[in-house]
Amino acid sequence: MAGVPGLRGAPGDDLPAFAPGARILFQGDSITDGGRWQNSSDPNHVFGQGYAYLIAARVGAARPDLRLVFLNRGVSGNQVTDLLARWPQDTLALKPGVVSVLVGVNDVLLALQPHGRVSPAKFEADYDRLLADTVRALPGVKLVLGEPFIEPGARTNGDWAAAREDIRALQGVVARLGAKYHAPVVRYQEVFDEACRRAPVETWIWDGVHPTAAGHELMAEAWLRTVRAAWAGPPAR
């Protein structure tokens, strides 16, 4: 799998056309949360330790001239219903220019979550409403949708076949919504399936759900690759 070796290359070749001063927000569950310190202003801890942190580090270092602002509002355990409930204050009020969303694994795997298991139809209706609210409130916003993913592990092996079927249904939802809202979809399942052919699953995802440091690096690479391809165009100035 290709890395991101050109990230520090010539301006215009290395990054998507982020507008100068753009606010780039990552939303989702624990995979995005990454152990971040909520309600803290400490820049060493507010972004967590996952793929969102790696993207912010790479892009921020490559193009400091753009003065980009990166934000993380992922919350561990969240389902799409939780995102919908906190969206006004945790997304719309922040007025981001880019919103990246990764949600879904808790909707099908964690039946003890407050809302229980969420059907694909309910997931799609809530997710669609969330995105519709976003494009209505933030004209010109760019959306990035990450597909939920799983691999064999402690959290998924209870009924692997059912879990895989459920997550595939939500991946289909994300694909449809990506097409509807003209948003690039980051195909994380494909990324991890391919990686698991190169090294044991524990190298990339330690419990079937949560990536390792190496797994988060794969996610950061995939996000940058997908976004760069989707937003190829004139360089930011």
Protein backbone atom coordinates (compact mmCIF):
# COMPACT_ATOMS: atom_id res chain seq x y z
CA MET A 1 0.00 0.00 0.00
CA ALA A 2 1.34 3.38 -0.92
CA GLY A 3 2.18 5.83 1.82
CA VAL A 4 2.06 9.59 1.62
CA PRO A 5 5.66 10.36 0.61
CA GLY A 6 4.78 13.50 -1.32
CA LEU A 7 3.16 15.31 1.58
CA ARG A 8 5.98 17.83 1.90
CA GLY A 9 6.39 18.22 -1.86
CA ALA A 10 5.62 21.20 -4.00
CA PRO A 11 2.57 23.23 -2.96
CA GLY A 12 -0.43 22.13 -4.96
CA ASP A 13 0.88 18.57 -5.43
CA ASP A 14 0.78 17.49 -1.82
CA LEU A 15 -2.58 18.45 -0.32
CA PRO A 16 -6.22 18.94 -1.17
CA ALA A 17 -7.36 22.48 -1.82
CA PHE A 18 -8.04 23.48 1.78
CA ALA A 19 -9.00 27.11 2.03
CA PRO A 20 -6.61 29.27 4.08
CA GLY A 21 -7.77 29.38 7.67
CA ALA A 22 -10.19 26.45 7.19
CA ARG A 23 -11.48 24.64 10.26
CA ILE A 24 -11.27 20.87 9.81
CA LEU A 25 -13.44 18.88 12.21
CA PHE A 26 -13.26 15.15 12.95
CA GLN A 27 -16.41 13.59 14.41
CA GLY A 28 -17.30 10.08 15.52
CA ASP A 29 -16.87 7.52 18.26
CA SER A 30 -13.88 6.15 20.20
CA ILE A 31 -11.82 5.53 17.06
CA THR A 32 -11.87 9.26 16.39
CA ASP A 33 -11.86 10.25 20.07
CA GLY A 34 -8.46 8.58 20.46
CA GLY A 35 -8.33 9.26 24.20
CA ARG A 36 -8.51 13.03 23.79
CA TRP A 37 -8.92 15.25 26.85
CA GLN A 38 -12.33 16.84 26.64
CA ASN A 39 -12.85 20.35 27.99
CA SER A 40 -9.13 21.01 27.92
CA SER A 41 -7.11 23.68 26.13
CA ASP A 42 -3.84 21.74 26.38
CA PRO A 43 -2.70 21.36 22.75
CA ASN A 44 -0.78 18.20 23.62
CA HIS A 45 -3.95 16.37 24.63
CA VAL A 46 -7.01 17.83 22.93
CA PHE A 47 -6.59 15.83 19.74
CA GLY A 48 -6.21 12.30 21.06
CA GLN A 49 -3.75 9.74 19.74
CA GLY A 50 -5.37 8.39 16.59
CA TYR A 51 -5.74 8.94 12.87
CA ALA A 52 -7.16 12.45 13.30
CA TYR A 53 -4.05 13.47 15.26
CA LEU A 54 -1.79 12.02 12.55
CA ILE A 55 -3.65 13.86 9.79
CA ALA A 56 -3.51 17.14 11.70
CA ALA A 57 0.21 16.68 12.33
CA ARG A 58 1.06 15.88 8.74
CA VAL A 59 -1.07 18.53 7.09
CA GLY A 60 -0.21 21.17 9.66
CA ALA A 61 3.51 20.58 9.20
CA ALA A 62 3.28 20.47 5.40
CA ARG A 63 1.31 23.69 4.99
CA PRO A 64 1.72 25.98 8.00
CA ASP A 65 1.13 28.89 5.66
CA LEU A 66 -2.55 27.92 5.38
CA ARG A 67 -3.12 28.44 9.13
CA LEU A 68 -5.51 25.49 9.26
CA VAL A 69 -7.41 24.77 12.47
CA PHE A 70 -7.98 21.10 13.34
CA LEU A 71 -10.68 20.05 15.78
CA ASN A 72 -11.65 16.68 17.28
CA ARG A 73 -15.08 16.06 18.79
CA GLY A 74 -15.17 12.27 18.68
CA VAL A 75 -16.81 10.74 21.77
CA SER A 76 -16.17 7.16 22.84
CA GLY A 77 -19.22 4.90 22.63
CA ASN A 78 -21.23 7.20 20.40
CA GLN A 79 -23.82 5.91 17.99
CA VAL A 80 -25.28 7.95 15.15
CA THR A 81 -28.18 8.99 17.40
CA ASP A 82 -25.68 10.49 19.85
CA LEU A 83 -24.02 12.45 17.06
CA LEU A 84 -27.38 13.77 15.95
CA ALA A 85 -28.21 14.95 19.47
CA ARG A 86 -24.95 16.85 19.98
CA TRP A 87 -24.49 18.03 16.40
CA PRO A 88 -25.71 21.63 16.90
CA GLN A 89 -23.13 22.46 19.56
CA ASP A 90 -20.33 20.05 18.63
CA THR A 91 -20.37 20.64 14.88
CA LEU A 92 -22.57 23.41 13.53
CA ALA A 93 -21.59 25.95 16.20
CA LEU A 94 -17.91 25.41 15.37
CA LYS A 95 -18.49 26.47 11.75
CA PRO A 96 -16.03 24.05 10.16
CA GLY A 97 -15.19 24.15 6.48
CA VAL A 98 -14.48 20.41 6.43
CA VAL A 99 -16.38 17.79 8.44
CA SER A 100 -15.06 14.23 8.57
CA VAL A 101 -17.41 11.64 10.11
CA LEU A 102 -16.73 8.05 11.20
CA VAL A 103 -19.55 6.28 13.03
CA GLY A 104 -21.36 2.96 12.95
CA VAL A 105 -19.54 0.22 14.81
CA ASN A 106 -21.38 0.94 18.07
CA ASP A 107 -24.70 0.91 16.24
CA VAL A 108 -24.39 -2.78 15.40
CA LEU A 109 -21.96 -4.33 17.88
CA LEU A 110 -22.69 -2.82 21.28
CA ALA A 111 -26.23 -3.82 22.19
CA LEU A 112 -25.74 -2.40 25.70
CA GLN A 113 -25.32 1.13 24.34
CA PRO A 114 -28.07 3.57 25.45
CA HIS A 115 -29.95 3.20 22.18
CA GLY A 116 -29.34 -0.52 21.71
CA ARG A 117 -28.67 -2.02 18.32
CA VAL A 118 -29.65 0.40 15.56
CA SER A 119 -31.21 -0.97 12.37
CA PRO A 120 -29.64 0.00 9.02
CA ALA A 121 -32.82 1.94 8.16
CA LYS A 122 -32.67 3.95 11.39
CA PHE A 123 -28.93 4.47 10.96
CA GLU A 124 -29.46 5.79 7.44
CA ALA A 125 -32.33 8.10 8.43
CA ASP A 126 -30.37 9.65 11.31
CA TYR A 127 -27.15 9.93 9.34
CA ASP A 128 -28.99 11.50 6.38
CA ARG A 129 -30.59 14.05 8.67
CA LEU A 130 -27.24 14.85 10.24
CA LEU A 131 -25.66 15.54 6.85
CA ALA A 132 -28.67 17.46 5.57
CA ASP A 133 -28.54 19.71 8.64
CA THR A 134 -24.84 20.27 8.01
CA VAL A 135 -25.03 21.34 4.37
CA ARG A 136 -28.04 23.54 5.14
CA ALA A 137 -26.37 25.32 8.06
CA LEU A 138 -22.88 25.49 6.53
CA PRO A 139 -23.09 26.37 2.82
CA GLY A 140 -19.98 25.22 0.98
CA VAL A 141 -18.91 22.75 3.67
CA LYS A 142 -16.88 19.76 2.49
CA LEU A 143 -17.89 16.36 3.89
CA VAL A 144 -15.71 13.27 4.26
CA LEU A 145 -17.39 10.00 5.27
CA GLY A 146 -15.43 7.11 6.76
CA GLU A 147 -17.00 3.69 6.45
CA PRO A 148 -17.26 1.69 9.70
CA PHE A 149 -15.11 -1.44 9.80
CA ILE A 150 -14.35 -4.53 11.87
CA GLU A 151 -11.91 -7.41 11.85
CA PRO A 152 -11.84 -10.65 13.89
CA GLY A 153 -11.09 -9.97 17.55
CA ALA A 154 -12.35 -10.10 21.11
CA ARG A 155 -15.19 -7.66 20.45
CA THR A 156 -16.38 -9.26 17.22
CA ASN A 157 -15.85 -13.01 17.51
CA GLY A 158 -19.06 -13.74 19.42
CA ASP A 159 -20.89 -14.05 16.11
CA TRP A 160 -18.47 -13.01 13.41
CA ALA A 161 -20.76 -13.82 10.48
CA ALA A 162 -23.61 -11.70 11.87
CA ALA A 163 -21.27 -8.86 12.82
CA ARG A 164 -19.75 -8.78 9.34
CA GLU A 165 -23.20 -8.81 7.72
CA ASP A 166 -24.35 -5.95 9.95
CA ILE A 167 -21.30 -3.79 9.32
CA ARG A 168 -21.56 -4.39 5.57
CA ALA A 169 -25.11 -3.07 5.67
CA LEU A 170 -23.90 0.15 7.29
CA GLN A 171 -21.04 0.40 4.82
CA GLY A 172 -23.68 0.35 2.10
CA VAL A 173 -25.49 3.19 3.85
CA VAL A 174 -22.33 5.27 3.99
CA ALA A 175 -21.67 4.63 0.31
CA ARG A 176 -25.17 5.80 -0.63
CA LEU A 177 -24.90 8.92 1.52
CA GLY A 178 -21.49 9.69 0.07
CA ALA A 179 -22.99 9.61 -3.40
CA LYS A 180 -26.00 11.68 -2.33
CA TYR A 181 -23.91 14.43 -0.75
CA HIS A 182 -20.99 14.23 -3.20
CA ALA A 183 -18.69 13.34 -0.31
CA PRO A 184 -15.60 11.16 -0.65
CA VAL A 185 -15.88 7.88 1.26
CA VAL A 186 -12.78 6.47 2.94
CA ARG A 187 -12.90 2.68 2.44
CA TYR A 188 -11.38 1.63 5.74
CA GLN A 189 -12.60 -1.97 5.55
CA GLU A 190 -10.68 -2.53 2.33
CA VAL A 191 -7.63 -0.91 3.89
CA PHE A 192 -7.65 -3.23 6.89
CA ASP A 193 -8.59 -6.35 4.92
CA GLU A 194 -5.58 -5.77 2.67
CA ALA A 195 -3.31 -5.04 5.63
CA CYS A 196 -4.36 -8.29 7.33
CA ARG A 197 -3.07 -10.20 4.31
CA ARG A 198 0.36 -8.73 5.01
CA ALA A 199 0.53 -9.16 8.78
CA PRO A 200 -1.65 -10.63 11.59
CA VAL A 201 -4.80 -8.72 12.46
CA GLU A 202 -3.37 -7.79 15.88
CA THR A 203 -0.77 -5.68 14.09
CA TRP A 204 -3.53 -3.35 12.92
CA ILE A 205 -6.58 -3.78 15.19
CA TRP A 206 -6.10 -5.13 18.68
CA ASP A 207 -9.68 -6.15 19.58
CA GLY A 208 -11.53 -6.33 16.28
CA VAL A 209 -12.70 -2.70 16.53
CA HIS A 210 -9.97 -0.36 17.78
CA PRO A 211 -6.85 0.20 15.66
CA THR A 212 -3.33 0.00 17.00
CA ALA A 213 -0.85 2.80 16.34
CA ALA A 214 0.00 1.10 13.04
CA GLY A 215 -3.69 0.82 12.21
CA HIS A 216 -4.27 4.50 12.84
CA GLU A 217 -1.38 5.24 10.49
CA LEU A 218 -3.16 3.22 7.79
CA MET A 219 -6.30 5.24 8.42
CA ALA A 220 -4.46 8.55 8.16
CA GLU A 221 -2.87 7.47 4.88
CA ALA A 222 -6.23 6.34 3.48
CA TRP A 223 -7.97 9.57 4.52
CA LEU A 224 -5.32 11.76 2.92
CA ARG A 225 -5.22 9.66 -0.23
CA THR A 226 -9.01 9.71 -0.60
CA VAL A 227 -9.40 13.41 0.11
CA ARG A 228 -6.54 14.38 -2.16
CA ALA A 229 -8.08 12.42 -5.05
CA ALA A 230 -11.56 13.85 -4.43
CA TRP A 231 -10.47 17.47 -4.15
CA ALA A 232 -7.74 17.64 -6.73
CA GLY A 233 -7.67 21.12 -8.21
CA PRO A 234 -5.89 24.45 -8.08
CA PRO A 235 -3.51 24.76 -5.14
CA ALA A 236 -4.61 26.67 -2.08
CA ARG A 237 -3.13 30.16 -1.87
